[in-house]
Amino acid sequence: MNQTVVSYLSQYEFYDHLLAFFGNNQGLLSFVIYMIFILIIVTMCATIGGLGTYAERKISADLQQRVGPNRVGPYGLLQFLADGVKMMTKEDIMPFTADKFLFYLAPLLALVGVFSTLAVLPFSSGFALADLNVGVFYLIAISSLVGVAVFLGGYASNSKWSMLGGMRGASQIISYEIPVTLSVLAITLLAGGMSFGTIVGQQKGLPFNWFIFHNPFAFLAFFVFFTGALAETNRAPFDLPEAESELVSGYHTEYTGMRFGFFALAEYIEVFVVCGVAAALFLGGSSLPFNISFDILPLQLLEFIIFMTKTLLLYYVVIWIRWTLPRLRVDQLMSICWKYLTPMAILNLVGCSIWIVVFNGKSIAELIFGGH
């Protein structure tokens, strides 16, 4: 089972010394520990969001046989810092006829929606901010704020291009939430719980214990989930809300400076979160490829490295897909969701349910090689 970082650290002797230092005030110590880890995670994800722009340029350059960023820092590695400075020094402009309150609220809402999902992301078996028994539903619900932010950004700008992008974003995100949620439900059936700790705990051991290899329906559910998640994060070939060739820049056309930067940062962090969720649900998350009977802090670091490796590999695939496939039309976008992905997601959910009943929840590997 997963656990919060406070409950994990409480088993060590140094925690008792810290508790004594805080005058045996359990609440204050827990608050300080949570705040430290929140700052670490937010800083890490903000850095990953910035480096995501660098990775995007470098990977796209490799695919197109170009060099990419190579002037700012070694191999252009400091390009994302230059971008950050540029965003902070640009003038903050708002259209005269825009809705001021909603215009300012939209980019903040996007960041809040993305950062809130980090609370349940299982970085390791001991390092998680919260292990909610409805962690999966919490993540799906709180991530919906990003869709609201996209729509508000387009609506509040009082621009035809922005409004079209906002409407596209709202319809796209709401539509693709259905196959994504159905695919997640299929995994919660296999795991027997909606906590990420429970889901990752059921995938311990060698890779054939991962849910992606549990049965044919779970295997298909991974691709339905990943495709739907790409659409929810507005990534190509599903980047209709931005569509610079049609809508100038879509829902954030009128945003400048750091407000535009907030939208861009939220998008890249959301891609990281989606990849992390896919790794936790289908690819074993942070589970080690062997069973360990004791628990020490270095193993938590190893689990964290395993989780980040799986997540960043999926991150690479997301960028790879963007620079490989052309953008879809709006009618094609909706057809894929309602005519193909949603029926497939329903089939996978029903198929996983029947598999559990017929084979008593055993995976293909357990049926072939035996075991429980």
Protein backbone atom coordinates (compact mmCIF):
# COMPACT_ATOMS: atom_id res chain seq x y z
CA MET A 1 0.00 0.00 0.00
CA ASN A 2 1.05 3.53 -0.64
CA GLN A 3 1.24 5.98 2.24
CA THR A 4 1.78 9.65 2.80
CA VAL A 5 5.28 11.00 3.25
CA VAL A 6 4.54 11.84 6.91
CA SER A 7 3.35 8.34 7.83
CA TYR A 8 6.34 6.87 6.01
CA LEU A 9 8.92 9.05 7.78
CA SER A 10 7.29 8.46 11.17
CA GLN A 11 8.74 4.95 11.31
CA TYR A 12 12.30 6.28 11.54
CA GLU A 13 14.12 7.39 14.69
CA PHE A 14 15.01 10.85 13.38
CA TYR A 15 11.27 11.62 13.16
CA ASP A 16 11.02 11.31 16.97
CA HIS A 17 13.86 13.83 17.33
CA LEU A 18 12.09 16.21 14.96
CA LEU A 19 8.86 15.77 16.90
CA ALA A 20 10.65 16.65 20.14
CA PHE A 21 12.18 19.70 18.45
CA PHE A 22 8.67 20.89 17.54
CA GLY A 23 7.49 20.42 21.12
CA ASN A 24 5.62 17.16 20.35
CA ASN A 25 3.27 19.15 18.14
CA GLN A 26 2.34 16.48 15.58
CA GLY A 27 0.20 18.83 13.50
CA LEU A 28 2.90 21.49 13.14
CA LEU A 29 5.57 18.95 12.19
CA SER A 30 3.26 17.34 9.61
CA PHE A 31 2.50 20.78 8.16
CA VAL A 32 6.22 21.62 7.84
CA ILE A 33 7.03 18.26 6.21
CA TYR A 34 4.15 18.62 3.74
CA MET A 35 5.17 22.18 2.87
CA ILE A 36 8.78 21.12 2.23
CA PHE A 37 7.72 18.29 -0.04
CA ILE A 38 5.16 20.47 -1.82
CA LEU A 39 7.87 23.03 -2.58
CA ILE A 40 10.20 20.28 -3.81
CA ILE A 41 7.56 18.69 -6.05
CA VAL A 42 6.27 22.00 -7.44
CA THR A 43 9.83 23.20 -8.14
CA MET A 44 10.70 19.89 -9.77
CA CYS A 45 7.59 19.92 -11.97
CA ALA A 46 8.10 23.58 -12.89
CA THR A 47 11.65 22.69 -13.94
CA ILE A 48 10.37 19.69 -15.90
CA GLY A 49 7.79 21.97 -17.53
CA GLY A 50 10.57 24.35 -18.58
CA LEU A 51 12.85 21.55 -19.75
CA GLY A 52 9.86 20.16 -21.68
CA THR A 53 10.12 23.11 -24.06
CA TYR A 54 13.82 22.36 -24.52
CA ALA A 55 13.11 18.65 -25.09
CA GLU A 56 10.37 19.54 -27.56
CA ARG A 57 12.78 21.61 -29.64
CA LYS A 58 15.64 19.14 -29.48
CA ILE A 59 13.52 16.07 -30.29
CA SER A 60 11.73 17.85 -33.12
CA ALA A 61 15.12 18.96 -34.46
CA ASP A 62 16.40 15.36 -34.37
CA LEU A 63 13.32 14.13 -36.21
CA GLN A 64 13.79 16.82 -38.86
CA GLN A 65 17.61 16.45 -39.02
CA ARG A 66 18.25 19.90 -37.56
CA VAL A 67 20.43 21.06 -34.67
CA GLY A 68 17.89 22.74 -32.39
CA PRO A 69 18.87 25.11 -29.53
CA ASN A 70 22.66 25.29 -29.27
CA ARG A 71 23.57 28.85 -28.31
CA VAL A 72 22.32 29.48 -24.76
CA GLY A 73 24.37 27.31 -22.43
CA PRO A 74 25.98 23.95 -23.26
CA TYR A 75 23.95 22.26 -26.03
CA GLY A 76 21.39 25.04 -25.61
CA LEU A 77 20.41 23.60 -22.22
CA LEU A 78 19.71 27.03 -20.70
CA GLN A 79 17.25 27.96 -23.43
CA PHE A 80 14.29 27.40 -21.11
CA LEU A 81 15.78 29.89 -18.62
CA ALA A 82 16.11 32.44 -21.42
CA ASP A 83 12.46 31.80 -22.30
CA GLY A 84 11.49 32.36 -18.67
CA VAL A 85 13.33 35.67 -18.52
CA LYS A 86 11.70 36.71 -21.79
CA MET A 87 8.23 35.89 -20.42
CA MET A 88 8.81 37.81 -17.19
CA THR A 89 10.11 40.92 -18.95
CA LYS A 90 7.40 41.13 -21.62
CA GLU A 91 4.64 43.69 -21.19
CA ASP A 92 1.38 42.37 -19.73
CA ILE A 93 -1.36 43.45 -22.15
CA MET A 94 -5.10 42.93 -21.80
CA PRO A 95 -7.67 43.76 -24.53
CA PHE A 96 -9.77 46.81 -23.68
CA THR A 97 -13.08 44.93 -24.06
CA ALA A 98 -11.96 41.78 -22.21
CA ASP A 99 -13.54 40.56 -18.98
CA LYS A 100 -10.77 41.61 -16.60
CA PHE A 101 -11.55 39.22 -13.72
CA LEU A 102 -11.96 36.10 -15.89
CA PHE A 103 -9.00 37.11 -18.06
CA TYR A 104 -6.75 37.11 -15.01
CA LEU A 105 -8.39 34.03 -13.47
CA ALA A 106 -8.02 31.65 -16.43
CA PRO A 107 -4.21 31.08 -16.42
CA LEU A 108 -4.19 30.77 -12.61
CA LEU A 109 -7.01 28.21 -12.80
CA ALA A 110 -4.99 26.19 -15.30
CA LEU A 111 -2.00 26.08 -12.94
CA VAL A 112 -4.16 25.24 -9.91
CA GLY A 113 -5.81 22.37 -11.78
CA VAL A 114 -2.47 20.90 -12.83
CA PHE A 115 -0.59 21.36 -9.53
CA SER A 116 -3.51 19.93 -7.54
CA THR A 117 -3.17 16.61 -9.37
CA LEU A 118 0.37 16.22 -8.03
CA ALA A 119 -1.07 15.50 -4.56
CA VAL A 120 -2.01 11.92 -5.50
CA LEU A 121 0.75 11.14 -7.99
CA PRO A 122 2.62 8.10 -6.56
CA PHE A 123 6.29 9.06 -6.97
CA SER A 124 7.23 6.05 -4.80
CA SER A 125 5.60 3.74 -2.26
CA GLY A 126 6.52 6.09 0.59
CA PHE A 127 6.73 9.51 -1.01
CA ALA A 128 3.24 10.71 -1.87
CA LEU A 129 1.46 13.75 -0.51
CA ALA A 130 -1.87 11.94 -0.18
CA ASP A 131 -3.11 8.39 -0.67
CA LEU A 132 -6.83 8.97 -1.08
CA ASN A 133 -9.13 5.96 -1.29
CA VAL A 134 -10.75 7.77 -4.24
CA GLY A 135 -7.46 9.06 -5.64
CA VAL A 136 -8.34 8.19 -9.24
CA PHE A 137 -11.65 10.05 -9.11
CA TYR A 138 -9.99 12.99 -7.38
CA LEU A 139 -7.45 13.24 -10.17
CA ILE A 140 -10.09 13.07 -12.92
CA ALA A 141 -12.24 15.67 -11.17
CA ILE A 142 -9.55 18.20 -10.28
CA SER A 143 -7.88 17.99 -13.69
CA SER A 144 -11.17 19.17 -15.23
CA LEU A 145 -10.26 22.67 -14.01
CA VAL A 146 -7.83 22.89 -16.92
CA GLY A 147 -10.72 22.53 -19.36
CA VAL A 148 -12.58 25.30 -17.56
CA ALA A 149 -9.46 27.49 -17.74
CA VAL A 150 -9.13 26.92 -21.50
CA PHE A 151 -12.75 27.93 -22.07
CA LEU A 152 -12.54 30.95 -19.76
CA GLY A 153 -9.33 32.12 -21.43
CA GLY A 154 -11.05 32.11 -24.81
CA TYR A 155 -14.30 33.62 -23.55
CA ALA A 156 -12.77 36.38 -21.44
CA SER A 157 -10.49 37.63 -24.25
CA ASN A 158 -13.49 38.86 -26.28
CA SER A 159 -11.73 37.74 -29.47
CA LYS A 160 -13.21 35.58 -32.23
CA TRP A 161 -10.04 33.52 -32.55
CA SER A 162 -9.80 32.98 -28.80
CA MET A 163 -13.49 32.17 -28.49
CA LEU A 164 -13.29 29.54 -31.22
CA GLY A 165 -10.26 28.01 -29.52
CA GLY A 166 -12.00 28.03 -26.15
CA MET A 167 -15.12 26.35 -27.56
CA ARG A 168 -13.01 23.74 -29.31
CA GLY A 169 -11.10 23.09 -26.11
CA ALA A 170 -14.25 22.72 -24.01
CA SER A 171 -15.92 20.30 -26.44
CA GLN A 172 -12.71 18.34 -26.94
CA ILE A 173 -11.82 17.95 -23.28
CA ILE A 174 -15.38 17.07 -22.19
CA SER A 175 -15.72 14.50 -24.99
CA TYR A 176 -12.41 12.72 -24.45
CA GLU A 177 -12.90 12.53 -20.68
CA ILE A 178 -15.41 9.75 -21.33
CA PRO A 179 -13.08 7.14 -22.94
CA VAL A 180 -10.28 8.16 -20.54
CA THR A 181 -12.49 7.67 -17.47
CA LEU A 182 -13.86 4.34 -18.76
CA SER A 183 -10.32 3.11 -19.36
CA VAL A 184 -9.32 4.10 -15.83
CA LEU A 185 -12.38 2.31 -14.43
CA ALA A 186 -11.26 -0.89 -16.15
CA ILE A 187 -7.98 -0.72 -14.22
CA THR A 188 -9.69 0.04 -10.90
CA LEU A 189 -11.75 -3.12 -11.41
CA LEU A 190 -8.58 -5.18 -11.87
CA ALA A 191 -6.86 -3.53 -8.88
CA GLY A 192 -9.88 -3.71 -6.57
CA GLY A 193 -9.58 -0.10 -5.45
CA MET A 194 -9.33 3.52 -6.57
CA SER A 195 -6.26 4.40 -4.53
CA PHE A 196 -3.03 4.77 -6.50
CA GLY A 197 -1.30 2.88 -3.70
CA THR A 198 -3.59 -0.09 -4.26
CA ILE A 199 -3.20 0.06 -8.04
CA VAL A 200 0.60 0.23 -7.98
CA GLY A 201 0.77 -2.38 -5.22
CA GLN A 202 -1.05 -4.90 -7.42
CA GLN A 203 1.67 -4.60 -10.09
CA LYS A 204 4.74 -5.48 -8.04
CA GLY A 205 7.35 -7.80 -9.48
CA LEU A 206 8.36 -8.45 -13.06
CA PRO A 207 6.83 -6.53 -15.99
CA PHE A 208 4.32 -9.29 -16.82
CA ASN A 209 2.54 -8.28 -13.59
CA TRP A 210 1.82 -4.83 -15.03
CA PHE A 211 -1.82 -4.20 -15.85
CA ILE A 212 -1.03 -3.49 -19.49
CA PHE A 213 -0.19 -7.21 -19.80
CA HIS A 214 -2.98 -8.44 -17.52
CA ASN A 215 -5.42 -9.30 -20.31
CA PRO A 216 -6.16 -8.22 -23.91
CA PHE A 217 -8.80 -5.71 -22.81
CA ALA A 218 -6.40 -3.95 -20.40
CA PHE A 219 -3.80 -3.85 -23.19
CA LEU A 220 -6.26 -2.04 -25.47
CA ALA A 221 -7.36 0.20 -22.57
CA PHE A 222 -3.81 1.59 -22.34
CA PHE A 223 -3.89 2.86 -25.92
CA VAL A 224 -7.42 4.23 -25.53
CA PHE A 225 -6.34 6.03 -22.35
CA PHE A 226 -3.14 7.40 -23.88
CA THR A 227 -4.90 8.62 -27.02
CA GLY A 228 -7.66 10.27 -25.01
CA ALA A 229 -5.11 11.84 -22.66
CA LEU A 230 -3.28 13.36 -25.63
CA ALA A 231 -6.55 14.97 -26.71
CA GLU A 232 -7.29 16.22 -23.18
CA THR A 233 -3.89 17.90 -22.96
CA ASN A 234 -4.41 19.57 -26.37
CA ARG A 235 -1.35 17.88 -27.83
CA ALA A 236 -0.92 17.28 -31.57
CA PRO A 237 -2.50 15.74 -33.53
CA PHE A 238 -5.34 16.95 -31.26
CA ASP A 239 -4.18 20.58 -30.81
CA LEU A 240 -7.35 22.10 -32.31
CA PRO A 241 -7.80 24.63 -29.43
CA GLU A 242 -4.47 26.26 -30.37
CA ALA A 243 -4.29 25.56 -34.14
CA GLU A 244 -1.98 28.46 -35.00
CA SER A 245 -2.55 27.99 -38.76
CA GLU A 246 -6.28 28.59 -38.26
CA LEU A 247 -6.78 30.54 -35.01
CA VAL A 248 -3.52 32.55 -34.70
CA SER A 249 -2.89 30.90 -31.33
CA GLY A 250 -6.32 29.84 -30.15
CA TYR A 251 -7.60 30.42 -26.64
CA HIS A 252 -4.46 32.24 -25.45
CA THR A 253 -4.06 34.50 -28.51
CA GLU A 254 -4.55 37.68 -26.44
CA TYR A 255 -2.30 36.61 -23.55
CA THR A 256 1.22 37.99 -23.21
CA GLY A 257 4.12 37.73 -20.79
CA MET A 258 3.81 35.47 -17.78
CA ARG A 259 0.07 34.92 -18.28
CA PHE A 260 0.87 33.23 -21.56
CA GLY A 261 3.74 31.49 -19.77
CA PHE A 262 1.32 30.10 -17.17
CA PHE A 263 -0.76 28.45 -19.90
CA ALA A 264 2.36 27.00 -21.55
CA LEU A 265 3.76 25.79 -18.22
CA ALA A 266 0.42 24.21 -17.27
CA GLU A 267 0.33 22.34 -20.58
CA TYR A 268 3.80 20.83 -20.19
CA ILE A 269 3.26 19.89 -16.53
CA GLU A 270 -0.11 18.35 -17.46
CA VAL A 271 1.66 16.18 -20.04
CA PHE A 272 4.06 15.05 -17.29
CA VAL A 273 1.14 14.26 -14.96
CA VAL A 274 -0.71 12.32 -17.67
CA CYS A 275 2.41 10.27 -18.42
CA GLY A 276 2.90 9.64 -14.69
CA VAL A 277 -0.71 8.48 -14.33
CA ALA A 278 -0.32 6.17 -17.36
CA ALA A 279 2.84 4.72 -15.81
CA ALA A 280 1.07 4.17 -12.46
CA LEU A 281 -2.08 2.64 -13.93
CA PHE A 282 -0.62 0.41 -16.63
CA LEU A 283 3.18 0.15 -16.33
CA GLY A 284 3.72 -0.72 -12.68
CA GLY A 285 4.40 2.83 -11.47
CA SER A 286 7.30 2.93 -9.04
CA SER A 287 7.21 -0.79 -8.22
CA LEU A 288 10.57 -2.56 -8.22
CA PRO A 289 11.12 -5.50 -10.61
CA PHE A 290 11.78 -7.75 -7.60
CA ASN A 291 10.21 -8.23 -4.18
CA ILE A 292 12.01 -6.64 -1.23
CA SER A 293 11.20 -7.73 2.33
CA PHE A 294 12.71 -4.63 3.98
CA ASP A 295 12.19 -0.93 3.40
CA ILE A 296 14.97 1.65 3.53
CA LEU A 297 15.25 5.20 2.21
CA PRO A 298 17.64 4.32 -0.68
CA LEU A 299 14.97 1.97 -2.03
CA GLN A 300 12.52 4.89 -2.07
CA LEU A 301 15.03 6.80 -4.20
CA LEU A 302 15.31 3.79 -6.52
CA GLU A 303 11.51 3.61 -6.80
CA PHE A 304 11.42 7.34 -7.58
CA ILE A 305 14.01 6.87 -10.36
CA ILE A 306 11.99 3.98 -11.82
CA PHE A 307 8.80 6.05 -11.80
CA MET A 308 10.50 9.06 -13.39
CA THR A 309 12.15 6.87 -16.05
CA LYS A 310 8.82 5.39 -17.15
CA THR A 311 7.14 8.80 -17.07
CA LEU A 312 9.84 10.56 -19.08
CA LEU A 313 9.91 7.77 -21.68
CA LEU A 314 6.18 8.31 -22.22
CA TYR A 315 6.90 12.07 -22.31
CA TYR A 316 9.28 11.39 -25.18
CA VAL A 317 6.58 9.41 -27.00
CA VAL A 318 4.15 12.34 -26.62
CA ILE A 319 6.65 14.72 -28.24
CA TRP A 320 7.50 12.12 -30.88
CA ILE A 321 3.83 11.80 -31.86
CA ARG A 322 3.43 15.57 -32.10
CA TRP A 323 6.16 15.91 -34.71
CA THR A 324 5.07 12.82 -36.65
CA LEU A 325 1.32 13.11 -37.22
CA PRO A 326 -0.57 16.00 -38.87
CA ARG A 327 -3.35 17.90 -37.12
CA LEU A 328 -6.85 16.45 -37.45
CA ARG A 329 -9.95 18.32 -38.57
CA VAL A 330 -12.62 19.08 -35.96
CA ASP A 331 -15.07 16.54 -37.41
CA GLN A 332 -12.34 13.87 -37.46
CA LEU A 333 -11.48 14.70 -33.87
CA MET A 334 -15.04 14.12 -32.68
CA SER A 335 -15.51 11.04 -34.85
CA ILE A 336 -12.47 9.36 -33.32
CA CYS A 337 -13.83 10.01 -29.83
CA TRP A 338 -17.49 9.06 -30.25
CA LYS A 339 -17.31 6.44 -33.01
CA TYR A 340 -14.13 4.61 -32.03
CA LEU A 341 -12.54 5.37 -28.65
CA THR A 342 -15.73 5.48 -26.56
CA PRO A 343 -17.12 2.14 -27.90
CA MET A 344 -13.66 0.58 -27.46
CA ALA A 345 -13.47 1.89 -23.88
CA ILE A 346 -16.91 0.42 -23.09
CA LEU A 347 -15.85 -2.89 -24.64
CA ASN A 348 -12.65 -2.92 -22.57
CA LEU A 349 -14.55 -2.16 -19.35
CA VAL A 350 -17.08 -4.95 -19.97
CA GLY A 351 -14.30 -7.27 -21.13
CA CYS A 352 -12.25 -6.70 -17.95
CA SER A 353 -15.37 -7.34 -15.85
CA ILE A 354 -16.05 -10.65 -17.62
CA TRP A 355 -12.37 -11.61 -17.38
CA ILE A 356 -12.40 -11.09 -13.60
CA VAL A 357 -15.47 -13.30 -13.21
CA VAL A 358 -14.40 -16.07 -15.61
CA PHE A 359 -10.71 -16.28 -14.63
CA ASN A 360 -11.07 -15.17 -11.00
CA GLY A 361 -9.04 -12.01 -11.64
CA LYS A 362 -5.88 -13.84 -12.71
CA SER A 363 -3.67 -12.35 -15.40
CA ILE A 364 -2.54 -14.13 -18.56
CA ALA A 365 0.89 -14.75 -16.99
CA GLU A 366 -0.70 -16.33 -13.91
CA LEU A 367 -2.87 -18.57 -16.06
CA ILE A 368 0.13 -19.72 -18.10
CA PHE A 369 2.81 -19.99 -15.41
CA GLY A 370 0.61 -20.44 -12.35
CA GLY A 371 0.79 -18.42 -9.15
CA HIS A 372 -1.54 -16.00 -7.38
